[in-house]
C-alpha atoms as a PDB file:
ATOM      1  CA  UNK A   1       0.025  -0.095   0.088  1.00  0.00           C
ATOM      2  CA  UNK A   2       1.400   3.605  -0.820  1.00  0.00           C
ATOM      3  CA  UNK A   3       1.888   6.271   1.685  1.00  0.00           C
ATOM      4  CA  UNK A   4      -0.846   8.676   2.249  1.00  0.00           C
ATOM      5  CA  UNK A   5       1.509  11.633   2.022  1.00  0.00           C
ATOM      6  CA  UNK A   6       2.801  10.273  -1.360  1.00  0.00           C
ATOM      7  CA  UNK A   7      -0.546   9.949  -2.777  1.00  0.00           C
ATOM      8  CA  UNK A   8      -1.413  13.574  -1.619  1.00  0.00           C
ATOM      9  CA  UNK A   9       1.800  14.756  -3.287  1.00  0.00           C
ATOM     10  CA  UNK A  10       1.043  13.232  -6.624  1.00  0.00           C
ATOM     11  CA  UNK A  11      -2.465  14.681  -6.595  1.00  0.00           C
ATOM     12  CA  UNK A  12      -4.228  11.300  -5.984  1.00  0.00           C
ATOM     13  CA  UNK A  13      -6.013  12.772  -2.942  1.00  0.00           C
ATOM     14  CA  UNK A  14      -8.244  15.776  -3.283  1.00  0.00           C
ATOM     15  CA  UNK A  15      -8.665  17.542   0.025  1.00  0.00           C
ATOM     16  CA  UNK A  16     -11.891  19.459  -1.137  1.00  0.00           C
ATOM     17  CA  UNK A  17     -13.631  16.173  -2.347  1.00  0.00           C
ATOM     18  CA  UNK A  18     -16.969  15.753  -0.532  1.00  0.00           C
ATOM     19  CA  UNK A  19     -18.776  12.559   0.227  1.00  0.00           C
ATOM     20  CA  UNK A  20     -21.543  11.448  -2.157  1.00  0.00           C
ATOM     21  CA  UNK A  21     -24.249  12.372   0.368  1.00  0.00           C
ATOM     22  CA  UNK A  22     -23.031  15.944   0.754  1.00  0.00           C
ATOM     23  CA  UNK A  23     -22.479  16.515  -2.959  1.00  0.00           C
ATOM     24  CA  UNK A  24     -26.155  16.173  -3.641  1.00  0.00           C
ATOM     25  CA  UNK A  25     -27.118  18.452  -0.707  1.00  0.00           C
ATOM     26  CA  UNK A  26     -24.441  21.003  -2.000  1.00  0.00           C
ATOM     27  CA  UNK A  27     -25.833  20.860  -5.678  1.00  0.00           C
ATOM     28  CA  UNK A  28     -29.395  21.354  -4.282  1.00  0.00           C
ATOM     29  CA  UNK A  29     -28.132  24.579  -2.309  1.00  0.00           C
ATOM     30  CA  UNK A  30     -26.254  25.897  -5.246  1.00  0.00           C
ATOM     31  CA  UNK A  31     -29.351  25.422  -7.704  1.00  0.00           C
ATOM     32  CA  UNK A  32     -31.431  27.377  -5.053  1.00  0.00           C
ATOM     33  CA  UNK A  33     -29.103  30.194  -5.014  1.00  0.00           C
ATOM     34  CA  UNK A  34     -28.580  30.354  -8.829  1.00  0.00           C
ATOM     35  CA  UNK A  35     -32.187  30.578  -9.145  1.00  0.00           C
ATOM     36  CA  UNK A  36     -32.550  33.288  -6.446  1.00  0.00           C
ATOM     37  CA  UNK A  37     -29.691  35.073  -8.087  1.00  0.00           C
ATOM     38  CA  UNK A  38     -31.361  34.982 -11.472  1.00  0.00           C
ATOM     39  CA  UNK A  39     -34.758  36.280 -10.014  1.00  0.00           C
ATOM     40  CA  UNK A  40     -32.806  39.038  -8.352  1.00  0.00           C
ATOM     41  CA  UNK A  41     -30.768  39.896 -11.466  1.00  0.00           C
ATOM     42  CA  UNK A  42     -34.136  40.385 -13.385  1.00  0.00           C
ATOM     43  CA  UNK A  43     -35.241  43.048 -10.756  1.00  0.00           C
ATOM     44  CA  UNK A  44     -32.066  45.083 -10.392  1.00  0.00           C
ATOM     45  CA  UNK A  45     -30.796  48.058 -12.479  1.00  0.00           C
ATOM     46  CA  UNK A  46     -27.687  47.768 -14.205  1.00  0.00           C
ATOM     47  CA  UNK A  47     -26.037  49.873 -11.471  1.00  0.00           C
ATOM     48  CA  UNK A  48     -27.503  47.688  -8.791  1.00  0.00           C
ATOM     49  CA  UNK A  49     -26.414  44.527 -10.657  1.00  0.00           C
ATOM     50  CA  UNK A  50     -22.850  45.789 -10.618  1.00  0.00           C
ATOM     51  CA  UNK A  51     -23.021  46.386  -6.952  1.00  0.00           C
ATOM     52  CA  UNK A  52     -24.605  43.063  -6.252  1.00  0.00           C
ATOM     53  CA  UNK A  53     -21.810  41.517  -8.333  1.00  0.00           C
ATOM     54  CA  UNK A  54     -19.161  43.215  -6.448  1.00  0.00           C
ATOM     55  CA  UNK A  55     -20.861  42.168  -3.142  1.00  0.00           C
ATOM     56  CA  UNK A  56     -20.984  38.462  -4.345  1.00  0.00           C
ATOM     57  CA  UNK A  57     -17.250  38.511  -5.316  1.00  0.00           C
ATOM     58  CA  UNK A  58     -16.123  39.846  -2.026  1.00  0.00           C
ATOM     59  CA  UNK A  59     -18.479  37.397  -0.208  1.00  0.00           C
ATOM     60  CA  UNK A  60     -16.783  34.560  -2.037  1.00  0.00           C
ATOM     61  CA  UNK A  61     -13.490  35.721  -1.126  1.00  0.00           C
ATOM     62  CA  UNK A  62     -14.501  35.926   2.443  1.00  0.00           C
ATOM     63  CA  UNK A  63     -15.989  32.367   2.400  1.00  0.00           C
ATOM     64  CA  UNK A  64     -12.771  31.084   0.772  1.00  0.00           C
ATOM     65  CA  UNK A  65     -10.639  32.762   3.404  1.00  0.00           C
ATOM     66  CA  UNK A  66     -12.899  31.454   6.269  1.00  0.00           C
ATOM     67  CA  UNK A  67     -13.013  27.811   4.805  1.00  0.00           C
ATOM     68  CA  UNK A  68      -9.284  27.908   4.514  1.00  0.00           C
ATOM     69  CA  UNK A  69      -8.917  28.979   8.091  1.00  0.00           C
ATOM     70  CA  UNK A  70     -11.385  26.247   9.205  1.00  0.00           C
ATOM     71  CA  UNK A  71      -9.313  23.607   7.504  1.00  0.00           C
ATOM     72  CA  UNK A  72      -5.978  24.848   8.789  1.00  0.00           C
ATOM     73  CA  UNK A  73      -7.432  24.938  12.422  1.00  0.00           C
ATOM     74  CA  UNK A  74      -9.035  21.441  11.852  1.00  0.00           C
ATOM     75  CA  UNK A  75      -5.774  20.025  10.695  1.00  0.00           C
ATOM     76  CA  UNK A  76      -3.883  21.506  13.709  1.00  0.00           C
ATOM     77  CA  UNK A  77      -6.563  20.219  16.095  1.00  0.00           C
ATOM     78  CA  UNK A  78      -6.021  16.601  14.350  1.00  0.00           C
ATOM     79  CA  UNK A  79      -2.301  16.945  14.685  1.00  0.00           C
ATOM     80  CA  UNK A  80      -2.640  17.723  18.387  1.00  0.00           C
ATOM     81  CA  UNK A  81      -4.768  14.614  18.893  1.00  0.00           C
ATOM     82  CA  UNK A  82      -2.183  12.446  16.872  1.00  0.00           C
ATOM     83  CA  UNK A  83       0.615  13.848  18.918  1.00  0.00           C
ATOM     84  CA  UNK A  84      -1.203  13.226  22.096  1.00  0.00           C
ATOM     85  CA  UNK A  85      -1.989   9.832  21.263  1.00  0.00           C
ATOM     86  CA  UNK A  86       1.513   8.758  20.522  1.00  0.00           C
ATOM     87  CA  UNK A  87       3.569  10.610  23.069  1.00  0.00           C
ATOM     88  CA  UNK A  88       4.063   8.904  26.405  1.00  0.00           C
ATOM     89  CA  UNK A  89       3.603  10.909  29.437  1.00  0.00           C
ATOM     90  CA  UNK A  90       5.341  10.071  32.771  1.00  0.00           C
END
């Protein structure tokens, strides 16, 4: 069996890959967001659409940063559990 880190290095493990149960839920939520965005876009003026687009872009940047931070903190917590599991204490 090959090493997990080696598999990750060669791109055989995608850290953003979700379970199949979650994928269908995410697709449903994305579809709902898309429908609402379309309806909203039909009601906004060109200037309002530009502002909404800017807002959406900034919110996406915020989410990406927030998710990245969560992954880093989760990894650190997991590493602490692993460390504590294998280090003998007196």
